[in-house]
Amino acid sequence: MLGFPSAILLVVGLSYPGVATRLAAACVWWQHLRTYHRSRPLRTNLHEAFPEDAVSRTPSGRRDTLSVLGVHRR
């Protein structure tokens, strides 16, 4: 008789920390996205003033893509 309600409470109790963490991470991600979009005029002006300092979005070579340290170098 008490097995089904207690099983539901167990599942809710075990999943709550994960859901709360995901919601908090989503809020932080949303803030970062808004800040990124608000800084577009600054990034555009800096790119016009210093085009040689532009960061490419693609890796320079295939070896860089497969390297463990490649993420940190980019």
N, C-alpha and C. Protein backbone atom coordinates (compact mmCIF):
# COMPACT_ATOMS: atom_id res chain seq x y z
N MET A 1 0.81 -1.19 0.00
CA MET A 1 0.00 0.00 0.00
C MET A 1 0.87 1.27 0.00
N LEU A 2 1.93 1.27 0.77
CA LEU A 2 2.80 2.44 0.81
C LEU A 2 3.96 2.33 -0.18
N GLY A 3 4.04 1.23 -0.88
CA GLY A 3 5.16 1.01 -1.80
C GLY A 3 5.19 1.99 -2.97
N PHE A 4 4.06 2.22 -3.61
CA PHE A 4 4.03 3.10 -4.78
C PHE A 4 4.31 4.56 -4.42
N PRO A 5 3.66 5.14 -3.41
CA PRO A 5 4.00 6.53 -3.06
C PRO A 5 5.44 6.70 -2.60
N SER A 6 5.96 5.72 -1.88
CA SER A 6 7.34 5.84 -1.43
C SER A 6 8.31 5.71 -2.61
N ALA A 7 7.97 4.91 -3.61
CA ALA A 7 8.82 4.80 -4.79
C ALA A 7 8.84 6.12 -5.57
N ILE A 8 7.70 6.75 -5.66
CA ILE A 8 7.63 8.06 -6.34
C ILE A 8 8.46 9.09 -5.58
N LEU A 9 8.33 9.12 -4.27
CA LEU A 9 9.12 10.06 -3.47
C LEU A 9 10.62 9.78 -3.59
N LEU A 10 10.97 8.52 -3.67
CA LEU A 10 12.38 8.17 -3.85
C LEU A 10 12.92 8.69 -5.17
N VAL A 11 12.18 8.51 -6.24
CA VAL A 11 12.61 8.97 -7.56
C VAL A 11 12.69 10.50 -7.59
N VAL A 12 11.72 11.16 -7.01
CA VAL A 12 11.74 12.63 -6.96
C VAL A 12 12.92 13.11 -6.14
N GLY A 13 13.15 12.48 -5.01
CA GLY A 13 14.26 12.88 -4.15
C GLY A 13 15.62 12.66 -4.79
N LEU A 14 15.76 11.59 -5.54
CA LEU A 14 17.03 11.33 -6.20
C LEU A 14 17.26 12.22 -7.41
N SER A 15 16.21 12.61 -8.10
CA SER A 15 16.37 13.42 -9.31
C SER A 15 16.39 14.92 -9.03
N TYR A 16 15.95 15.34 -7.87
CA TYR A 16 15.88 16.78 -7.56
C TYR A 16 17.23 17.49 -7.66
N PRO A 17 18.31 16.97 -7.07
CA PRO A 17 19.59 17.69 -7.18
C PRO A 17 20.05 17.86 -8.63
N GLY A 18 19.86 16.85 -9.44
CA GLY A 18 20.27 16.96 -10.84
C GLY A 18 19.47 17.99 -11.60
N VAL A 19 18.16 18.01 -11.36
CA VAL A 19 17.30 18.98 -12.04
C VAL A 19 17.63 20.39 -11.57
N ALA A 20 17.85 20.56 -10.28
CA ALA A 20 18.19 21.89 -9.75
C ALA A 20 19.52 22.38 -10.31
N THR A 21 20.48 21.48 -10.44
CA THR A 21 21.78 21.85 -11.00
C THR A 21 21.64 22.26 -12.46
N ARG A 22 20.85 21.50 -13.23
CA ARG A 22 20.64 21.85 -14.64
C ARG A 22 19.95 23.20 -14.79
N LEU A 23 18.99 23.49 -13.95
CA LEU A 23 18.31 24.79 -14.01
C LEU A 23 19.26 25.93 -13.69
N ALA A 24 20.10 25.74 -12.67
CA ALA A 24 21.07 26.77 -12.32
C ALA A 24 22.07 26.97 -13.46
N ALA A 25 22.53 25.88 -14.07
CA ALA A 25 23.47 25.98 -15.18
C ALA A 25 22.82 26.66 -16.38
N ALA A 26 21.54 26.39 -16.62
CA ALA A 26 20.84 27.03 -17.73
C ALA A 26 20.73 28.53 -17.51
N CYS A 27 20.50 28.95 -16.28
CA CYS A 27 20.43 30.39 -15.99
C CYS A 27 21.77 31.07 -16.23
N VAL A 28 22.85 30.44 -15.80
CA VAL A 28 24.18 31.00 -16.02
C VAL A 28 24.49 31.03 -17.51
N TRP A 29 24.15 29.96 -18.24
CA TRP A 29 24.38 29.92 -19.68
C TRP A 29 23.62 31.05 -20.38
N TRP A 30 22.39 31.28 -19.97
CA TRP A 30 21.58 32.33 -20.58
C TRP A 30 22.20 33.70 -20.34
N GLN A 31 22.72 33.94 -19.13
CA GLN A 31 23.39 35.21 -18.83
C GLN A 31 24.62 35.38 -19.72
N HIS A 32 25.40 34.34 -19.87
CA HIS A 32 26.59 34.43 -20.71
C HIS A 32 26.22 34.68 -22.17
N LEU A 33 25.15 34.07 -22.63
CA LEU A 33 24.71 34.29 -24.00
C LEU A 33 24.28 35.74 -24.22
N ARG A 34 23.54 36.29 -23.27
CA ARG A 34 23.12 37.69 -23.38
C ARG A 34 24.33 38.63 -23.37
N THR A 35 25.30 38.36 -22.50
CA THR A 35 26.50 39.19 -22.44
C THR A 35 27.28 39.09 -23.75
N TYR A 36 27.35 37.90 -24.30
CA TYR A 36 28.05 37.70 -25.58
C TYR A 36 27.39 38.53 -26.68
N HIS A 37 26.08 38.52 -26.75
CA HIS A 37 25.39 39.28 -27.79
C HIS A 37 25.48 40.78 -27.55
N ARG A 38 25.50 41.21 -26.31
CA ARG A 38 25.62 42.64 -26.02
C ARG A 38 27.02 43.16 -26.35
N SER A 39 28.04 42.29 -26.32
CA SER A 39 29.40 42.74 -26.60
C SER A 39 29.74 42.70 -28.09
N ARG A 40 28.78 42.42 -28.94
CA ARG A 40 29.05 42.34 -30.38
C ARG A 40 29.61 43.65 -30.96
N PRO A 41 29.07 44.83 -30.63
CA PRO A 41 29.67 46.06 -31.17
C PRO A 41 31.13 46.22 -30.79
N LEU A 42 31.48 45.88 -29.57
CA LEU A 42 32.86 45.97 -29.13
C LEU A 42 33.74 45.02 -29.92
N ARG A 43 33.28 43.78 -30.07
CA ARG A 43 34.07 42.80 -30.82
C ARG A 43 34.22 43.22 -32.28
N THR A 44 33.18 43.81 -32.86
CA THR A 44 33.24 44.26 -34.25
C THR A 44 34.26 45.38 -34.40
N ASN A 45 34.23 46.34 -33.49
CA ASN A 45 35.19 47.45 -33.56
C ASN A 45 36.62 46.98 -33.33
N LEU A 46 36.80 46.06 -32.42
CA LEU A 46 38.15 45.54 -32.19
C LEU A 46 38.65 44.75 -33.40
N HIS A 47 37.75 44.02 -34.04
CA HIS A 47 38.16 43.26 -35.23
C HIS A 47 38.52 44.20 -36.38
N GLU A 48 37.81 45.30 -36.51
CA GLU A 48 38.15 46.27 -37.55
C GLU A 48 39.48 46.95 -37.27
N ALA A 49 39.76 47.22 -36.00
CA ALA A 49 41.01 47.89 -35.64
C ALA A 49 42.20 46.94 -35.68
N PHE A 50 41.98 45.68 -35.29
CA PHE A 50 43.07 44.70 -35.22
C PHE A 50 42.66 43.40 -35.92
N PRO A 51 42.60 43.38 -37.25
CA PRO A 51 42.15 42.17 -37.96
C PRO A 51 43.13 41.01 -37.82
N GLU A 52 44.39 41.29 -37.54
CA GLU A 52 45.37 40.21 -37.42
C GLU A 52 45.18 39.40 -36.13
N ASP A 53 44.42 39.92 -35.19
CA ASP A 53 44.20 39.21 -33.92
C ASP A 53 42.91 38.41 -33.92
N ALA A 54 42.30 38.23 -35.08
CA ALA A 54 41.04 37.47 -35.14
C ALA A 54 41.29 36.00 -34.82
N VAL A 55 40.36 35.41 -34.10
CA VAL A 55 40.44 34.00 -33.73
C VAL A 55 39.61 33.21 -34.73
N SER A 56 40.25 32.24 -35.37
CA SER A 56 39.50 31.43 -36.32
C SER A 56 38.67 30.40 -35.57
N ARG A 57 37.55 30.01 -36.14
CA ARG A 57 36.66 29.07 -35.49
C ARG A 57 36.98 27.63 -35.86
N THR A 58 37.85 27.43 -36.83
CA THR A 58 38.19 26.07 -37.25
C THR A 58 39.62 25.76 -36.83
N PRO A 59 39.91 24.52 -36.50
CA PRO A 59 41.28 24.16 -36.15
C PRO A 59 42.20 24.29 -37.36
N SER A 60 43.47 24.55 -37.10
CA SER A 60 44.42 24.78 -38.19
C SER A 60 44.74 23.50 -38.95
N GLY A 61 44.69 22.37 -38.30
CA GLY A 61 45.01 21.12 -38.98
C GLY A 61 44.30 19.94 -38.34
N ARG A 62 44.37 18.81 -39.03
CA ARG A 62 43.71 17.61 -38.53
C ARG A 62 44.37 17.12 -37.25
N ARG A 63 45.67 17.24 -37.16
CA ARG A 63 46.37 16.79 -35.96
C ARG A 63 45.91 17.57 -34.74
N ASP A 64 45.66 18.85 -34.91
CA ASP A 64 45.19 19.70 -33.82
C ASP A 64 43.81 19.26 -33.35
N THR A 65 42.98 18.78 -34.25
CA THR A 65 41.64 18.32 -33.92
C THR A 65 41.68 17.08 -33.05
N LEU A 66 42.61 16.17 -33.34
CA LEU A 66 42.68 14.90 -32.62
C LEU A 66 43.51 14.97 -31.35
N SER A 67 44.22 16.05 -31.14
CA SER A 67 45.09 16.16 -29.98
C SER A 67 44.28 16.41 -28.71
N VAL A 68 44.73 15.80 -27.62
CA VAL A 68 44.06 16.01 -26.34
C VAL A 68 44.24 17.45 -25.87
N LEU A 69 45.41 18.01 -26.14
CA LEU A 69 45.70 19.37 -25.72
C LEU A 69 45.19 20.41 -26.71
N GLY A 70 44.65 19.99 -27.84
CA GLY A 70 44.21 20.92 -28.86
C GLY A 70 43.13 21.87 -28.40
N VAL A 71 42.28 21.42 -27.52
CA VAL A 71 41.21 22.27 -27.02
C VAL A 71 41.77 23.45 -26.25
N HIS A 72 42.81 23.20 -25.47
CA HIS A 72 43.36 24.25 -24.65
C HIS A 72 44.20 25.22 -25.45
N ARG A 73 44.79 24.76 -26.53
CA ARG A 73 45.58 25.65 -27.35
C ARG A 73 44.70 26.58 -28.16
N ARG A 74 43.51 26.12 -28.55
CA ARG A 74 42.62 26.96 -29.32
C ARG A 74 42.02 27.99 -28.41
